[in-house]
PDB file of N, CA and C in Angstrom:
ATOM      1  N   LEU A   1      74.176 222.788 -98.668  1.00  0.00           N
ATOM      2  CA  LEU A   1      74.713 222.037 -97.608  1.00  0.00           C
ATOM      3  C   LEU A   1      74.780 220.832 -97.658  1.00  0.00           C
ATOM      4  N   PHE A   2      74.200 220.004 -98.520  1.00  0.00           N
ATOM      5  CA  PHE A   2      74.420 218.488 -98.295  1.00  0.00           C
ATOM      6  C   PHE A   2      75.294 217.997 -99.341  1.00  0.00           C
ATOM      7  N   LYS A   3      75.479 218.832-100.734  1.00  0.00           N
ATOM      8  CA  LYS A   3      76.217 218.779-101.627  1.00  0.00           C
ATOM      9  C   LYS A   3      77.769 218.225-101.384  1.00  0.00           C
ATOM     10  N   HIS A   4      78.219 218.989-100.180  1.00  0.00           N
ATOM     11  CA  HIS A   4      79.799 218.573-100.062  1.00  0.00           C
ATOM     12  C   HIS A   4      80.046 217.349 -98.701  1.00  0.00           C
ATOM     13  N   SER A   5      79.063 216.526 -98.703  1.00  0.00           N
ATOM     14  CA  SER A   5      79.391 215.453 -97.713  1.00  0.00           C
ATOM     15  C   SER A   5      80.209 214.579 -98.617  1.00  0.00           C
ATOM     16  N   LEU A   6      80.071 214.211 -99.529  1.00  0.00           N
ATOM     17  CA  LEU A   6      81.010 213.160-100.316  1.00  0.00           C
ATOM     18  C   LEU A   6      82.483 213.848-100.435  1.00  0.00           C
ATOM     19  N   SER A   7      82.390 214.877-100.523  1.00  0.00           N
ATOM     20  CA  SER A   7      84.081 215.611-100.315  1.00  0.00           C
ATOM     21  C   SER A   7      84.450 215.559 -98.989  1.00  0.00           C
ATOM     22  N   ILE A   8      83.753 215.738 -97.984  1.00  0.00           N
ATOM     23  CA  ILE A   8      83.931 215.673 -96.513  1.00  0.00           C
ATOM     24  C   ILE A   8      84.458 214.203 -96.210  1.00  0.00           C
ATOM     25  N   CYS A   9      83.399 213.267 -96.465  1.00  0.00           N
ATOM     26  CA  CYS A   9      83.632 211.725 -96.276  1.00  0.00           C
ATOM     27  C   CYS A   9      85.202 211.494 -97.061  1.00  0.00           C
ATOM     28  N   ARG A  10      85.470 212.112 -97.942  1.00  0.00           N
ATOM     29  CA  ARG A  10      86.571 211.631 -99.013  1.00  0.00           C
ATOM     30  C   ARG A  10      87.956 212.072 -98.200  1.00  0.00           C
ATOM     31  N   ALA A  11      87.667 212.992 -97.618  1.00  0.00           N
ATOM     32  CA  ALA A  11      89.029 213.940 -96.981  1.00  0.00           C
ATOM     33  C   ALA A  11      89.146 213.165 -95.487  1.00  0.00           C
ATOM     34  N   LEU A  12      87.800 212.773 -94.990  1.00  0.00           N
ATOM     35  CA  LEU A  12      88.061 211.952 -94.067  1.00  0.00           C
ATOM     36  C   LEU A  12      88.759 210.460 -94.015  1.00  0.00           C
ATOM     37  N   LEU A  13      88.403 209.818 -94.863  1.00  0.00           N
ATOM     38  CA  LEU A  13      89.007 208.808 -94.960  1.00  0.00           C
ATOM     39  C   LEU A  13      90.440 208.908 -95.681  1.00  0.00           C
ATOM     40  N   SER A  14      90.956 209.771 -96.515  1.00  0.00           N
ATOM     41  CA  SER A  14      92.033 210.052 -96.503  1.00  0.00           C
ATOM     42  C   SER A  14      92.945 210.154 -95.690  1.00  0.00           C
ATOM     43  N   ASP A  15      92.398 210.959 -94.383  1.00  0.00           N
ATOM     44  CA  ASP A  15      93.258 211.208 -92.898  1.00  0.00           C
ATOM     45  C   ASP A  15      93.229 210.081 -92.260  1.00  0.00           C
ATOM     46  N   LEU A  16      92.484 209.237 -92.253  1.00  0.00           N
ATOM     47  CA  LEU A  16      92.046 208.161 -91.285  1.00  0.00           C
ATOM     48  C   LEU A  16      93.104 206.713 -92.374  1.00  0.00           C
ATOM     49  N   VAL A  17      92.674 206.398 -93.122  1.00  0.00           N
ATOM     50  CA  VAL A  17      93.884 205.619 -93.628  1.00  0.00           C
ATOM     51  C   VAL A  17      94.925 205.604 -94.271  1.00  0.00           C
ATOM     52  N   SER A  18      95.662 204.780 -94.083  1.00  0.00           N
ATOM     53  CA  SER A  18      97.358 204.739 -94.472  1.00  0.00           C
ATOM     54  C   SER A  18      97.364 205.078 -95.959  1.00  0.00           C
ATOM     55  N   GLU A  19      98.579 205.267 -96.208  1.00  0.00           N
ATOM     56  CA  GLU A  19      98.512 205.485 -97.888  1.00  0.00           C
ATOM     57  C   GLU A  19      98.460 204.473 -98.870  1.00  0.00           C
ATOM     58  N   LYS A  20      99.153 203.390 -98.151  1.00  0.00           N
ATOM     59  CA  LYS A  20      99.196 202.003 -98.713  1.00  0.00           C
ATOM     60  C   LYS A  20      97.787 201.269 -99.035  1.00  0.00           C
ATOM     61  N   GLU A  21      96.777 201.458 -98.062  1.00  0.00           N
ATOM     62  CA  GLU A  21      95.478 200.922 -97.871  1.00  0.00           C
ATOM     63  C   GLU A  21      94.557 202.163 -98.605  1.00  0.00           C
ATOM     64  N   ARG A  22      94.875 203.332 -98.874  1.00  0.00           N
ATOM     65  CA  ARG A  22      93.859 204.476 -99.494  1.00  0.00           C
ATOM     66  C   ARG A  22      93.242 204.134-100.677  1.00  0.00           C
ATOM     67  N   PRO A  23      94.204 203.508-101.904  1.00  0.00           N
ATOM     68  CA  PRO A  23      93.579 203.293-103.059  1.00  0.00           C
ATOM     69  C   PRO A  23      92.302 202.141-102.954  1.00  0.00           C
ATOM     70  N   LEU A  24      92.406 201.039-102.182  1.00  0.00           N
ATOM     71  CA  LEU A  24      91.620 200.192-101.783  1.00  0.00           C
ATOM     72  C   LEU A  24      90.019 201.221-101.170  1.00  0.00           C
ATOM     73  N   VAL A  25      90.661 201.481-100.254  1.00  0.00           N
ATOM     74  CA  VAL A  25      89.276 202.149 -99.280  1.00  0.00           C
ATOM     75  C   VAL A  25      88.504 203.099-100.158  1.00  0.00           C
ATOM     76  N   MET A  26      89.307 204.030-100.945  1.00  0.00           N
ATOM     77  CA  MET A  26      88.537 204.906-102.017  1.00  0.00           C
ATOM     78  C   MET A  26      87.952 204.223-103.266  1.00  0.00           C
ATOM     79  N   GLY A  27      88.323 203.169-103.527  1.00  0.00           N
ATOM     80  CA  GLY A  27      87.707 202.511-104.496  1.00  0.00           C
ATOM     81  C   GLY A  27      86.438 201.646-104.072  1.00  0.00           C
ATOM     82  N   HIS A  28      86.294 201.398-102.668  1.00  0.00           N
ATOM     83  CA  HIS A  28      85.320 200.536-101.807  1.00  0.00           C
ATOM     84  C   HIS A  28      84.234 201.845-101.842  1.00  0.00           C
ATOM     85  N   PHE A  29      84.810 202.944-101.301  1.00  0.00           N
ATOM     86  CA  PHE A  29      83.601 204.159-101.208  1.00  0.00           C
ATOM     87  C   PHE A  29      83.302 204.564-102.420  1.00  0.00           C
ATOM     88  N   ASN A  30      83.975 204.872-103.499  1.00  0.00           N
ATOM     89  CA  ASN A  30      83.232 205.275-104.770  1.00  0.00           C
ATOM     90  C   ASN A  30      82.238 204.325-105.693  1.00  0.00           C
ATOM     91  N   ALA A  31      82.860 202.813-104.985  1.00  0.00           N
ATOM     92  CA  ALA A  31      81.624 201.669-105.478  1.00  0.00           C
ATOM     93  C   ALA A  31      80.336 201.740-104.909  1.00  0.00           C
ATOM     94  N   ALA A  32      80.491 202.268-103.395  1.00  0.00           N
ATOM     95  CA  ALA A  32      79.435 202.307-102.476  1.00  0.00           C
ATOM     96  C   ALA A  32      78.682 203.434-102.958  1.00  0.00           C
ATOM     97  N   SER A  33      79.100 204.616-103.294  1.00  0.00           N
ATOM     98  CA  SER A  33      78.482 205.771-103.760  1.00  0.00           C
ATOM     99  C   SER A  33      77.633 205.537-105.014  1.00  0.00           C
ATOM    100  N   SER A  34      78.339 204.670-106.060  1.00  0.00           N
ATOM    101  CA  SER A  34      77.754 204.358-107.293  1.00  0.00           C
ATOM    102  C   SER A  34      76.590 203.669-107.232  1.00  0.00           C
ATOM    103  N   VAL A  35      76.556 202.734-106.079  1.00  0.00           N
ATOM    104  CA  VAL A  35      75.481 201.675-105.698  1.00  0.00           C
ATOM    105  C   VAL A  35      74.129 202.771-105.829  1.00  0.00           C
ATOM    106  N   GLY A  36      73.972 203.757-105.263  1.00  0.00           N
ATOM    107  CA  GLY A  36      72.789 204.906-105.149  1.00  0.00           C
ATOM    108  C   GLY A  36      72.380 205.218-106.537  1.00  0.00           C
ATOM    109  N   PHE A  37      73.512 205.410-107.253  1.00  0.00           N
ATOM    110  CA  PHE A  37      72.968 205.955-108.643  1.00  0.00           C
ATOM    111  C   PHE A  37      72.243 205.115-109.186  1.00  0.00           C
ATOM    112  N   ILE A  38      72.669 203.767-109.269  1.00  0.00           N
ATOM    113  CA  ILE A  38      72.471 202.565-110.038  1.00  0.00           C
ATOM    114  C   ILE A  38      70.809 202.093-109.472  1.00  0.00           C
ATOM    115  N   LEU A  39      70.890 201.914-108.244  1.00  0.00           N
ATOM    116  CA  LEU A  39      70.043 201.359-107.545  1.00  0.00           C
ATOM    117  C   LEU A  39      68.621 202.254-107.315  1.00  0.00           C
ATOM    118  N   GLY A  40      68.764 203.870-107.349  1.00  0.00           N
ATOM    119  CA  GLY A  40      68.189 204.706-106.904  1.00  0.00           C
ATOM    120  C   GLY A  40      66.877 204.651-107.784  1.00  0.00           C
ATOM    121  N   PRO A  41      66.967 204.812-108.917  1.00  0.00           N
ATOM    122  CA  PRO A  41      65.607 204.747-109.828  1.00  0.00           C
ATOM    123  C   PRO A  41      64.796 203.624-109.915  1.00  0.00           C
ATOM    124  N   VAL A  42      65.525 202.366-109.623  1.00  0.00           N
ATOM    125  CA  VAL A  42      64.898 201.141-109.827  1.00  0.00           C
ATOM    126  C   VAL A  42      63.974 201.208-108.551  1.00  0.00           C
ATOM    127  N   VAL A  43      64.416 201.627-107.407  1.00  0.00           N
ATOM    128  CA  VAL A  43      63.723 201.533-106.287  1.00  0.00           C
ATOM    129  C   VAL A  43      62.742 202.803-106.197  1.00  0.00           C
ATOM    130  N   GLY A  44      63.088 203.760-106.514  1.00  0.00           N
ATOM    131  CA  GLY A  44      61.808 204.924-107.045  1.00  0.00           C
ATOM    132  C   GLY A  44      60.676 204.626-107.365  1.00  0.00           C
ATOM    133  N   GLY A  45      61.460 203.948-108.730  1.00  0.00           N
ATOM    134  CA  GLY A  45      59.881 203.338-109.627  1.00  0.00           C
ATOM    135  C   GLY A  45      59.181 202.390-108.987  1.00  0.00           C
ATOM    136  N   TYR A  46      59.841 201.799-108.278  1.00  0.00           N
ATOM    137  CA  TYR A  46      59.057 200.056-107.709  1.00  0.00           C
ATOM    138  C   TYR A  46      58.108 200.818-106.240  1.00  0.00           C
ATOM    139  N   LEU A  47      58.601 201.637-105.600  1.00  0.00           N
ATOM    140  CA  LEU A  47      58.055 202.906-104.703  1.00  0.00           C
ATOM    141  C   LEU A  47      56.659 203.352-105.334  1.00  0.00           C
ATOM    142  N   THR A  48      56.901 203.877-106.799  1.00  0.00           N
ATOM    143  CA  THR A  48      56.047 204.731-107.247  1.00  0.00           C
ATOM    144  C   THR A  48      54.849 204.118-107.744  1.00  0.00           C
ATOM    145  N   GLU A  49      55.052 202.728-108.181  1.00  0.00           N
ATOM    146  CA  GLU A  49      53.954 201.961-108.797  1.00  0.00           C
ATOM    147  C   GLU A  49      52.955 201.718-107.935  1.00  0.00           C
ATOM    148  N   HIS A  50      53.116 201.710-106.456  1.00  0.00           N
ATOM    149  CA  HIS A  50      52.012 201.158-105.558  1.00  0.00           C
ATOM    150  C   HIS A  50      51.118 202.366-105.007  1.00  0.00           C
ATOM    151  N   GLU A  51      50.118 202.002-104.699  1.00  0.00           N
ATOM    152  CA  GLU A  51      48.895 203.252-104.227  1.00  0.00           C
ATOM    153  C   GLU A  51      49.904 203.808-103.344  1.00  0.00           C
ATOM    154  N   GLY A  52      49.477 205.446-103.817  1.00  0.00           N
ATOM    155  CA  GLY A  52      49.991 206.453-102.705  1.00  0.00           C
ATOM    156  C   GLY A  52      51.567 206.270-102.863  1.00  0.00           C
ATOM    157  N   GLY A  53      52.469 205.803-103.795  1.00  0.00           N
ATOM    158  CA  GLY A  53      53.439 205.329-104.154  1.00  0.00           C
ATOM    159  C   GLY A  53      54.689 206.893-104.150  1.00  0.00           C
ATOM    160  N   PHE A  54      54.034 207.877-104.848  1.00  0.00           N
ATOM    161  CA  PHE A  54      54.550 209.107-105.165  1.00  0.00           C
ATOM    162  C   PHE A  54      54.911 210.010-103.489  1.00  0.00           C
ATOM    163  N   TYR A  55      53.579 209.867-102.848  1.00  0.00           N
ATOM    164  CA  TYR A  55      53.940 210.458-101.375  1.00  0.00           C
ATOM    165  C   TYR A  55      54.904 209.645-100.834  1.00  0.00           C
ATOM    166  N   LEU A  56      54.648 208.197-100.517  1.00  0.00           N
ATOM    167  CA  LEU A  56      55.768 207.327-100.106  1.00  0.00           C
ATOM    168  C   LEU A  56      57.186 207.551-100.713  1.00  0.00           C
ATOM    169  N   SER A  57      57.502 207.421-101.853  1.00  0.00           N
ATOM    170  CA  SER A  57      58.564 207.869-102.279  1.00  0.00           C
ATOM    171  C   SER A  57      59.047 209.303-101.714  1.00  0.00           C
ATOM    172  N   SER A  58      57.990 210.265-101.748  1.00  0.00           N
ATOM    173  CA  SER A  58      58.588 211.469-101.280  1.00  0.00           C
ATOM    174  C   SER A  58      58.966 211.537 -99.859  1.00  0.00           C
ATOM    175  N   PHE A  59      58.197 210.889 -99.009  1.00  0.00           N
ATOM    176  CA  PHE A  59      58.795 210.565 -97.688  1.00  0.00           C
ATOM    177  C   PHE A  59      59.939 209.918 -97.463  1.00  0.00           C
ATOM    178  N   VAL A  60      60.382 208.591 -98.137  1.00  0.00           N
ATOM    179  CA  VAL A  60      61.433 208.553 -98.268  1.00  0.00           C
ATOM    180  C   VAL A  60      62.808 209.136 -98.391  1.00  0.00           C
ATOM    181  N   CYS A  61      62.159 209.824 -99.500  1.00  0.00           N
ATOM    182  CA  CYS A  61      63.736 211.018 -99.608  1.00  0.00           C
ATOM    183  C   CYS A  61      63.627 212.016 -98.587  1.00  0.00           C
ATOM    184  N   ALA A  62      62.749 212.447 -98.192  1.00  0.00           N
ATOM    185  CA  ALA A  62      62.916 213.590 -97.059  1.00  0.00           C
ATOM    186  C   ALA A  62      63.455 212.882 -95.668  1.00  0.00           C
ATOM    187  N   GLY A  63      63.070 211.643 -95.324  1.00  0.00           N
ATOM    188  CA  GLY A  63      63.565 210.801 -94.339  1.00  0.00           C
ATOM    189  C   GLY A  63      65.339 210.969 -94.574  1.00  0.00           C
ATOM    190  N   ILE A  64      65.520 210.328 -95.808  1.00  0.00           N
ATOM    191  CA  ILE A  64      67.161 210.648 -96.100  1.00  0.00           C
ATOM    192  C   ILE A  64      67.732 211.876 -95.996  1.00  0.00           C
ATOM    193  N   PHE A  65      67.148 212.822 -96.156  1.00  0.00           N
ATOM    194  CA  PHE A  65      67.779 214.081 -96.274  1.00  0.00           C
ATOM    195  C   PHE A  65      67.902 214.336 -94.785  1.00  0.00           C
ATOM    196  N   ILE A  66      66.960 214.296 -94.161  1.00  0.00           N
ATOM    197  CA  ILE A  66      66.752 214.768 -92.471  1.00  0.00           C
ATOM    198  C   ILE A  66      68.027 213.832 -92.012  1.00  0.00           C
ATOM    199  N   LEU A  67      68.048 212.312 -92.238  1.00  0.00           N
ATOM    200  CA  LEU A  67      69.397 211.885 -91.469  1.00  0.00           C
ATOM    201  C   LEU A  67      70.519 212.183 -92.341  1.00  0.00           C
ATOM    202  N   ASN A  68      70.775 212.709 -93.294  1.00  0.00           N
ATOM    203  CA  ASN A  68      71.925 213.298 -93.678  1.00  0.00           C
ATOM    204  C   ASN A  68      72.336 214.608 -93.443  1.00  0.00           C
ATOM    205  N   ALA A  69      71.593 215.402 -92.668  1.00  0.00           N
ATOM    206  CA  ALA A  69      71.462 216.581 -91.816  1.00  0.00           C
ATOM    207  C   ALA A  69      71.855 216.292 -90.666  1.00  0.00           C
TER     208      ALA A  69
END
């Protein structure tokens, strides 16, 4: 259900942006998407080190999934 949100966003950007600006916008979108893969483990590790951190990181992930719906 949530897996195809990136594909939908790319299709939407492709429709909304002119053909001349499309490479720049897609590059920014892909860069922003990649930041999550880079910072996610760092932030998750930081949250897990704290008291009750596993539960905190689980609730943060659940909140993000709910917002994504």
